[in-house]
Every structure is written in structure tokens, then in C-alpha cells.
C-alpha atoms as a PDB file:
ATOM      1  CA  MET A   1     -13.737  14.476  -7.878  1.00  0.00           C
ATOM      2  CA  SER A   2     -10.031  14.367  -7.235  1.00  0.00           C
ATOM      3  CA  ILE A   3      -7.243  13.252  -9.530  1.00  0.00           C
ATOM      4  CA  ARG A   4      -5.924   9.939  -8.290  1.00  0.00           C
ATOM      5  CA  ARG A   5      -2.183   9.406  -8.128  1.00  0.00           C
ATOM      6  CA  LYS A   6      -1.060   5.972  -9.273  1.00  0.00           C
ATOM      7  CA  ALA A   7       1.695   3.788  -7.904  1.00  0.00           C
ATOM      8  CA  PHE A   8       3.427   1.840 -10.680  1.00  0.00           C
ATOM      9  CA  LEU A   9       5.249  -1.429 -10.473  1.00  0.00           C
ATOM     10  CA  VAL A  10       8.970  -0.799 -10.749  1.00  0.00           C
ATOM     11  CA  ALA A  11      10.552  -2.708 -13.607  1.00  0.00           C
ATOM     12  CA  VAL A  12      13.690  -4.552 -12.639  1.00  0.00           C
ATOM     13  CA  GLY A  13      16.666  -3.280 -14.596  1.00  0.00           C
ATOM     14  CA  ILE A  14      18.572  -6.552 -14.616  1.00  0.00           C
ATOM     15  CA  ILE A  15      17.845 -10.047 -15.851  1.00  0.00           C
ATOM     16  CA  LEU A  16      19.603 -12.646 -13.764  1.00  0.00           C
ATOM     17  CA  MET A  17      21.493 -15.447 -15.455  1.00  0.00           C
ATOM     18  CA  LEU A  18      19.913 -18.837 -15.976  1.00  0.00           C
ATOM     19  CA  MET A  19      20.972 -21.429 -13.445  1.00  0.00           C
ATOM     20  CA  LEU A  20      21.338 -25.186 -13.932  1.00  0.00           C
ATOM     21  CA  SER A  21      19.175 -27.653 -12.111  1.00  0.00           C
ATOM     22  CA  ALA A  22      20.545 -30.840 -10.580  1.00  0.00           C
ATOM     23  CA  CYS A  23      19.745 -32.558 -13.878  1.00  0.00           C
ATOM     24  CA  GLY A  24      21.664 -29.969 -15.835  1.00  0.00           C
ATOM     25  CA  ASP A  25      18.587 -28.241 -17.248  1.00  0.00           C
ATOM     26  CA  PRO A  26      18.590 -24.409 -17.321  1.00  0.00           C
ATOM     27  CA  GLN A  27      16.230 -22.779 -14.841  1.00  0.00           C
ATOM     28  CA  GLU A  28      15.073 -19.184 -14.441  1.00  0.00           C
ATOM     29  CA  PRO A  29      15.937 -17.570 -11.089  1.00  0.00           C
ATOM     30  CA  ALA A  30      12.888 -16.811  -8.928  1.00  0.00           C
ATOM     31  CA  ALA A  31      13.248 -13.053  -9.502  1.00  0.00           C
ATOM     32  CA  ASN A  32      13.080 -13.493 -13.281  1.00  0.00           C
ATOM     33  CA  LEU A  33       9.895 -15.543 -12.974  1.00  0.00           C
ATOM     34  CA  VAL A  34       8.187 -13.010 -10.713  1.00  0.00           C
ATOM     35  CA  ASN A  35       9.217 -10.078 -12.866  1.00  0.00           C
ATOM     36  CA  GLN A  36       7.367 -11.489 -15.847  1.00  0.00           C
ATOM     37  CA  LEU A  37       4.359  -9.908 -14.119  1.00  0.00           C
ATOM     38  CA  VAL A  38       6.129  -6.559 -13.831  1.00  0.00           C
ATOM     39  CA  ILE A  39       6.953  -6.537 -17.520  1.00  0.00           C
ATOM     40  CA  GLY A  40       3.323  -7.277 -18.321  1.00  0.00           C
ATOM     41  CA  ASP A  41       2.272  -4.379 -16.133  1.00  0.00           C
ATOM     42  CA  GLN A  42       4.049  -1.677 -18.122  1.00  0.00           C
ATOM     43  CA  GLN A  43       1.147  -1.160 -20.549  1.00  0.00           C
ATOM     44  CA  ILE A  44      -1.219  -0.902 -17.590  1.00  0.00           C
ATOM     45  CA  ASN A  45       0.981   1.862 -16.200  1.00  0.00           C
ATOM     46  CA  GLU A  46       0.820   3.746 -19.501  1.00  0.00           C
ATOM     47  CA  ASN A  47      -2.959   3.383 -19.660  1.00  0.00           C
ATOM     48  CA  LEU A  48      -3.390   4.650 -16.103  1.00  0.00           C
ATOM     49  CA  ASP A  49      -1.223   7.629 -16.942  1.00  0.00           C
ATOM     50  CA  GLU A  50      -3.410   8.465 -19.946  1.00  0.00           C
ATOM     51  CA  ILE A  51      -6.555   7.993 -17.866  1.00  0.00           C
ATOM     52  CA  ALA A  52      -5.206  10.501 -15.332  1.00  0.00           C
ATOM     53  CA  HIS A  53      -4.610  12.981 -18.172  1.00  0.00           C
ATOM     54  CA  TYR A  54      -8.154  12.704 -19.501  1.00  0.00           C
ATOM     55  CA  GLU A  55      -9.516  12.743 -15.976  1.00  0.00           C
ATOM     56  CA  SER A  56      -7.805  16.082 -15.374  1.00  0.00           C
ATOM     57  CA  GLU A  57      -9.255  17.452 -18.612  1.00  0.00           C
ATOM     58  CA  ASP A  58     -12.697  16.139 -17.699  1.00  0.00           C
ATOM     59  CA  LEU A  59     -12.558  17.647 -14.209  1.00  0.00           C
ATOM     60  CA  ASP A  60     -12.028  21.137 -15.633  1.00  0.00           C
ATOM     61  CA  LEU A  61     -14.800  20.577 -18.174  1.00  0.00           C
ATOM     62  CA  TYR A  62     -17.160  19.139 -15.542  1.00  0.00           C
ATOM     63  CA  GLU A  63     -16.783  22.205 -13.329  1.00  0.00           C
ATOM     64  CA  TRP A  64     -17.283  24.480 -16.360  1.00  0.00           C
ATOM     65  CA  ILE A  65     -20.462  22.630 -17.393  1.00  0.00           C
ATOM     66  CA  LEU A  66     -21.953  22.927 -13.889  1.00  0.00           C
ATOM     67  CA  VAL A  67     -21.258  26.672 -13.818  1.00  0.00           C
ATOM     68  CA  LYS A  68     -22.451  27.302 -17.374  1.00  0.00           C
ATOM     69  CA  GLY A  69     -25.502  25.114 -16.830  1.00  0.00           C
ATOM     70  CA  LYS A  70     -26.839  27.573 -14.248  1.00  0.00           C
ATOM     71  CA  GLU A  71     -27.123  30.263 -16.909  1.00  0.00           C
ATOM     72  CA  LYS A  72     -30.508  30.704 -18.549  1.00  0.00           C
ATOM     73  CA  ASN A  73     -30.747  29.271 -22.077  1.00  0.00           C
ATOM     74  CA  SER A  74     -27.121  28.126 -21.956  1.00  0.00           C
ATOM     75  CA  ASP A  75     -25.945  25.930 -24.838  1.00  0.00           C
ATOM     76  CA  LEU A  76     -23.903  23.039 -23.465  1.00  0.00           C
ATOM     77  CA  GLU A  77     -23.975  20.745 -26.498  1.00  0.00           C
ATOM     78  CA  SER A  78     -20.381  21.236 -27.653  1.00  0.00           C
ATOM     79  CA  ASP A  79     -19.095  20.890 -24.077  1.00  0.00           C
ATOM     80  CA  LEU A  80     -21.181  17.769 -23.527  1.00  0.00           C
ATOM     81  CA  ASP A  81     -19.881  16.292 -26.787  1.00  0.00           C
ATOM     82  CA  LYS A  82     -16.339  16.854 -25.551  1.00  0.00           C
ATOM     83  CA  ALA A  83     -17.227  15.256 -22.201  1.00  0.00           C
ATOM     84  CA  ASP A  84     -18.488  12.187 -24.074  1.00  0.00           C
ATOM     85  CA  VAL A  85     -15.105  11.912 -25.802  1.00  0.00           C
ATOM     86  CA  TYR A  86     -13.271  11.988 -22.449  1.00  0.00           C
ATOM     87  CA  ILE A  87     -15.609   9.334 -21.038  1.00  0.00           C
ATOM     88  CA  ASN A  88     -15.104   7.012 -23.999  1.00  0.00           C
ATOM     89  CA  LYS A  89     -11.325   7.451 -23.999  1.00  0.00           C
ATOM     90  CA  ARG A  90     -11.088   6.649 -20.300  1.00  0.00           C
ATOM     91  CA  ARG A  91     -13.412   3.675 -20.611  1.00  0.00           C
ATOM     92  CA  ASN A  92     -11.431   2.203 -23.508  1.00  0.00           C
ATOM     93  CA  LEU A  93      -8.109   2.676 -21.702  1.00  0.00           C
ATOM     94  CA  LEU A  94      -9.530   1.204 -18.507  1.00  0.00           C
ATOM     95  CA  ASN A  95     -10.946  -1.842 -20.281  1.00  0.00           C
ATOM     96  CA  GLN A  96      -7.614  -2.406 -22.058  1.00  0.00           C
ATOM     97  CA  ALA A  97      -5.797  -2.268 -18.713  1.00  0.00           C
ATOM     98  CA  GLN A  98      -8.315  -4.664 -17.185  1.00  0.00           C
ATOM     99  CA  THR A  99      -7.770  -7.168 -20.001  1.00  0.00           C
ATOM    100  CA  ILE A 100      -3.997  -7.038 -19.488  1.00  0.00           C
ATOM    101  CA  MET A 101      -4.396  -7.449 -15.729  1.00  0.00           C
ATOM    102  CA  GLU A 102      -6.600 -10.498 -16.270  1.00  0.00           C
ATOM    103  CA  GLN A 103      -3.949 -11.955 -18.594  1.00  0.00           C
ATOM    104  CA  ASN A 104      -1.316 -11.351 -15.920  1.00  0.00           C
ATOM    105  CA  GLN A 105      -3.583 -13.050 -13.418  1.00  0.00           C
ATOM    106  CA  GLU A 106      -3.558 -16.168 -15.586  1.00  0.00           C
ATOM    107  CA  GLN A 107       0.258 -16.242 -15.372  1.00  0.00           C
ATOM    108  CA  ILE A 108       0.329 -16.447 -11.584  1.00  0.00           C
ATOM    109  CA  SER A 109      -0.467 -20.152 -11.287  1.00  0.00           C
ATOM    110  CA  PRO A 110       2.154 -21.255 -13.873  1.00  0.00           C
ATOM    111  CA  ILE A 111       4.765 -19.034 -12.219  1.00  0.00           C
ATOM    112  CA  ARG A 112       3.927 -20.504  -8.821  1.00  0.00           C
ATOM    113  CA  SER A 113       4.320 -24.005 -10.241  1.00  0.00           C
ATOM    114  CA  SER A 114       7.670 -23.075 -11.803  1.00  0.00           C
ATOM    115  CA  LEU A 115       8.909 -21.731  -8.465  1.00  0.00           C
ATOM    116  CA  LYS A 116       8.171 -25.056  -6.805  1.00  0.00           C
ATOM    117  CA  LYS A 117      10.399 -26.814  -9.352  1.00  0.00           C
ATOM    118  CA  LEU A 118      13.478 -24.666  -8.716  1.00  0.00           C
ATOM    119  CA  SER A 119      16.196 -26.830  -7.219  1.00  0.00           C
ATOM    120  CA  PHE A 120      18.971 -24.259  -6.731  1.00  0.00           C
ATOM    121  CA  GLU A 121      17.135 -21.515  -4.823  1.00  0.00           C
ATOM    122  CA  LYS A 122      17.358 -21.140  -1.059  1.00  0.00           C
ATOM    123  CA  GLU A 123      14.170 -21.725   0.901  1.00  0.00           C
ATOM    124  CA  GLU A 124      14.043 -18.102   2.068  1.00  0.00           C
ATOM    125  CA  THR A 125      14.284 -16.895  -1.538  1.00  0.00           C
ATOM    126  CA  LEU A 126      11.411 -19.117  -2.620  1.00  0.00           C
ATOM    127  CA  THR A 127       9.340 -17.990   0.360  1.00  0.00           C
ATOM    128  CA  GLN A 128       9.943 -14.364  -0.579  1.00  0.00           C
ATOM    129  CA  ALA A 129       8.934 -15.067  -4.192  1.00  0.00           C
ATOM    130  CA  GLN A 130       5.724 -16.796  -3.092  1.00  0.00           C
ATOM    131  CA  THR A 131       4.918 -13.845  -0.823  1.00  0.00           C
ATOM    132  CA  ILE A 132       5.305 -11.499  -3.781  1.00  0.00           C
ATOM    133  CA  LEU A 133       2.947 -13.616  -5.885  1.00  0.00           C
ATOM    134  CA  GLU A 134       0.347 -13.437  -3.125  1.00  0.00           C
ATOM    135  CA  LEU A 135       0.769  -9.665  -3.062  1.00  0.00           C
ATOM    136  CA  TYR A 136       0.286  -9.503  -6.804  1.00  0.00           C
ATOM    137  CA  GLU A 137      -2.886 -11.587  -6.510  1.00  0.00           C
ATOM    138  CA  SER A 138      -4.220  -9.112  -3.947  1.00  0.00           C
ATOM    139  CA  ARG A 139      -3.269  -6.297  -6.286  1.00  0.00           C
ATOM    140  CA  VAL A 140      -5.150  -7.936  -9.172  1.00  0.00           C
ATOM    141  CA  THR A 141      -8.266  -8.273  -6.994  1.00  0.00           C
ATOM    142  CA  ALA A 142      -7.998  -4.620  -5.960  1.00  0.00           C
ATOM    143  CA  PHE A 143      -7.559  -3.465  -9.550  1.00  0.00           C
ATOM    144  CA  LEU A 144     -10.511  -5.458 -10.882  1.00  0.00           C
ATOM    145  CA  GLU A 145     -12.768  -4.025  -8.174  1.00  0.00           C
ATOM    146  CA  LEU A 146     -11.382  -0.567  -8.948  1.00  0.00           C
ATOM    147  CA  ALA A 147     -12.093  -1.021 -12.662  1.00  0.00           C
ATOM    148  CA  SER A 148     -15.663  -2.118 -11.957  1.00  0.00           C
ATOM    149  CA  VAL A 149     -16.364   0.922  -9.786  1.00  0.00           C
ATOM    150  CA  TYR A 150     -14.609   3.245 -12.248  1.00  0.00           C
ATOM    151  CA  ASN A 151     -16.847   1.988 -15.063  1.00  0.00           C
ATOM    152  CA  GLN A 152     -19.858   2.694 -12.862  1.00  0.00           C
ATOM    153  CA  CYS A 153     -18.521   6.212 -12.263  1.00  0.00           C
ATOM    154  CA  LEU A 154     -18.204   6.723 -16.009  1.00  0.00           C
ATOM    155  CA  ASP A 155     -21.787   5.513 -16.411  1.00  0.00           C
ATOM    156  CA  ASP A 156     -22.866   8.077 -13.796  1.00  0.00           C
ATOM    157  CA  ASP A 157     -20.997  10.809 -15.668  1.00  0.00           C
ATOM    158  CA  GLN A 158     -22.645   9.777 -18.946  1.00  0.00           C
ATOM    159  CA  GLN A 159     -26.109   9.784 -17.395  1.00  0.00           C
ATOM    160  CA  LEU A 160     -25.527  13.167 -15.784  1.00  0.00           C
ATOM    161  CA  TYR A 161     -24.352  14.759 -19.021  1.00  0.00           C
ATOM    162  CA  ASP A 162     -27.258  13.202 -20.953  1.00  0.00           C
ATOM    163  CA  MET A 163     -29.677  14.843 -18.517  1.00  0.00           C
ATOM    164  CA  MET A 164     -28.246  18.234 -19.517  1.00  0.00           C
ATOM    165  CA  ARG A 165     -28.818  17.802 -23.262  1.00  0.00           C
ATOM    166  CA  LYS A 166     -31.106  20.350 -24.910  1.00  0.00           C
ATOM    167  CA  ASN A 167     -33.428  17.607 -26.159  1.00  0.00           C
ATOM    168  CA  VAL A 168     -34.110  16.498 -22.557  1.00  0.00           C
ATOM    169  CA  GLU A 169     -36.665  18.243 -20.385  1.00  0.00           C
ATOM    170  CA  PRO A 170     -34.600  19.930 -17.626  1.00  0.00           C
ATOM    171  CA  ASN A 171     -35.159  18.552 -14.138  1.00  0.00           C
ATOM    172  CA  LEU A 172     -32.957  20.254 -11.554  1.00  0.00           C
ATOM    173  CA  GLU A 173     -33.927  17.884  -8.748  1.00  0.00           C
ATOM    174  CA  LYS A 174     -32.921  14.787 -10.739  1.00  0.00           C
ATOM    175  CA  ILE A 175     -29.677  16.430 -11.855  1.00  0.00           C
ATOM    176  CA  GLN A 176     -28.743  17.305  -8.275  1.00  0.00           C
ATOM    177  CA  GLN A 177     -29.590  13.772  -7.149  1.00  0.00           C
ATOM    178  CA  LYS A 178     -27.392  12.317  -9.893  1.00  0.00           C
ATOM    179  CA  ILE A 179     -24.533  14.628  -8.864  1.00  0.00           C
ATOM    180  CA  ARG A 180     -24.781  13.332  -5.287  1.00  0.00           C
ATOM    181  CA  VAL A 181     -24.749   9.701  -6.462  1.00  0.00           C
ATOM    182  CA  ARG A 182     -21.823  10.444  -8.772  1.00  0.00           C
ATOM    183  CA  ASN A 183     -19.767  12.134  -6.061  1.00  0.00           C
ATOM    184  CA  LYS A 184     -20.406   9.231  -3.665  1.00  0.00           C
ATOM    185  CA  GLU A 185     -19.153   6.718  -6.245  1.00  0.00           C
ATOM    186  CA  PHE A 186     -16.036   8.764  -6.962  1.00  0.00           C
ATOM    187  CA  GLY A 187     -15.373   8.945  -3.214  1.00  0.00           C
ATOM    188  CA  LYS A 188     -15.460   5.141  -3.130  1.00  0.00           C
ATOM    189  CA  LEU A 189     -13.150   5.063  -6.129  1.00  0.00           C
ATOM    190  CA  ASP A 190     -10.615   7.278  -4.358  1.00  0.00           C
ATOM    191  CA  LYS A 191     -10.385   4.732  -1.526  1.00  0.00           C
ATOM    192  CA  LEU A 192      -9.929   1.855  -3.966  1.00  0.00           C
ATOM    193  CA  PHE A 193      -7.109   3.705  -5.719  1.00  0.00           C
ATOM    194  CA  GLU A 194      -5.463   4.293  -2.347  1.00  0.00           C
ATOM    195  CA  GLN A 195      -5.678   0.571  -1.541  1.00  0.00           C
ATOM    196  CA  PHE A 196      -4.311  -0.351  -4.983  1.00  0.00           C
ATOM    197  CA  ASN A 197      -1.416   2.072  -4.592  1.00  0.00           C
ATOM    198  CA  GLN A 198      -0.523   0.720  -1.152  1.00  0.00           C
ATOM    199  CA  LEU A 199      -0.418  -2.835  -2.491  1.00  0.00           C
ATOM    200  CA  THR A 200       1.767  -1.677  -5.372  1.00  0.00           C
ATOM    201  CA  ASP A 201       4.189   0.061  -3.012  1.00  0.00           C
ATOM    202  CA  THR A 202       4.421  -3.079  -0.881  1.00  0.00           C
ATOM    203  CA  PHE A 203       4.986  -5.226  -3.978  1.00  0.00           C
ATOM    204  CA  ASN A 204       7.784  -2.949  -5.193  1.00  0.00           C
ATOM    205  CA  ASN A 205       9.486  -3.035  -1.798  1.00  0.00           C
ATOM    206  CA  ASP A 206       9.278  -6.820  -1.426  1.00  0.00           C
ATOM    207  CA  ASN A 207      10.371  -7.345  -5.023  1.00  0.00           C
ATOM    208  CA  SER A 208      13.467  -5.206  -4.400  1.00  0.00           C
ATOM    209  CA  ILE A 209      14.295  -7.438  -1.439  1.00  0.00           C
ATOM    210  CA  LEU A 210      13.974 -10.518  -3.687  1.00  0.00           C
ATOM    211  CA  ILE A 211      16.388  -8.992  -6.208  1.00  0.00           C
ATOM    212  CA  GLU A 212      18.902  -8.258  -3.456  1.00  0.00           C
ATOM    213  CA  MET A 213      18.632 -11.838  -2.221  1.00  0.00           C
ATOM    214  CA  GLU A 214      19.308 -13.147  -5.726  1.00  0.00           C
ATOM    215  CA  GLN A 215      22.288 -10.859  -6.281  1.00  0.00           C
ATOM    216  CA  LYS A 216      23.945 -11.943  -3.027  1.00  0.00           C
ATOM    217  CA  LYS A 217      24.065 -15.606  -4.071  1.00  0.00           C
END
């Protein structure tokens, strides 16, 4: 299991001034509307950072448990209890991040509708903003799939550790089989994180272009 590096959405450091529509009503620039999603993503970033921390701790503990488990009459209970804590912390953080991402997903349609009502933006600016929303939608889909697989990986970890408890009849063949299943799932997870990170990088780049377009007006 490898530690997965995360690509974060880059928060825009400036809020552009409200513009007036043809009717004299104030309107948010396209960049402001899109960056509502970025602001909502900051807690997700913090959760992913914490998950990476606990994942690093769990990796060291996992390797220690496998080594210690080969010793005759080894007592793994305290280590397994600690592993349970890491699993629960990661699961809670992941589920919190998933909830926030789903809330952000619900904002996409209203933001898209608001973009269509902007009367002062150039067509190329609106096109760029719509492209960014489509990228964010792809990123949401990638994250939700990632979260589903990650939860399955945590289930695999839990099942593996439970098989090593002293109140369970040891079965080396089943443990080795579970390790293979677990490693396969984490390999799939690595690829999903890579896809998610690539989408995030692309979003950040395109969003920077949108900001530049707005500032040149």
C-alpha cells in the first residue's frame, strides 16, 4: 500500500467586483460563481490531508503486525486495537469529505443557470466557465468512485485484522488470501487517486485562465 499524494483545488485569492446587468441589477462575475465550488472544497482538502496522515501511521502499523504475526504465540491485540482506531478515523474523515463533495455537486446546476443569465460577460469567458464546471463534475464523479473503493479497502483492512484476533482460530491460508484481495483493491485505489489528481490539476489550470480573462476586462 502506498501513500497517495493529493492534488488540492487552489483557492482564488481575489474576489472580483460585482457587475451591473443591463437592467441595473448586480451580477457576480463568472469566476466568482465558479469559485464557490473551490471554497466549498477547502474542508475536503483538510480531510484528505488528515487521511494521508493516518494512512501513513497505519502503513507502519500494518507492516509491524504482519512481521509480529509470524512469531509464535504473538499478542497482537493492542496493535489491532490501534489499527481499528486508524480505520475508523479514516472512514469518518472520508465520509465527511464525501458529504461535502455531494453538497458541492448540488451547487453545479444553480451555478450553471446563473452563468447563462450573465449579460456582461464575453462569450469566451462564459465558455471557459462552463468548461470548468464540466471538469468539476468529472472530478466529483471520480471522487465518489474513489470514496466507494476506499471504503471497501477499509472493510478489507478491518476483516484482515479481525482474522488475526486471539479469539479467532488462526487460518494462514485465509489470511494470505485476504491480503491478496486487500492489495488488489489498494492498487485500484491508487489509480483512482491518480485520476482524481489529474482532474484537479486540470481544473486549477483552467480556473487560473478564467481569472486572467476576468482581470483583463
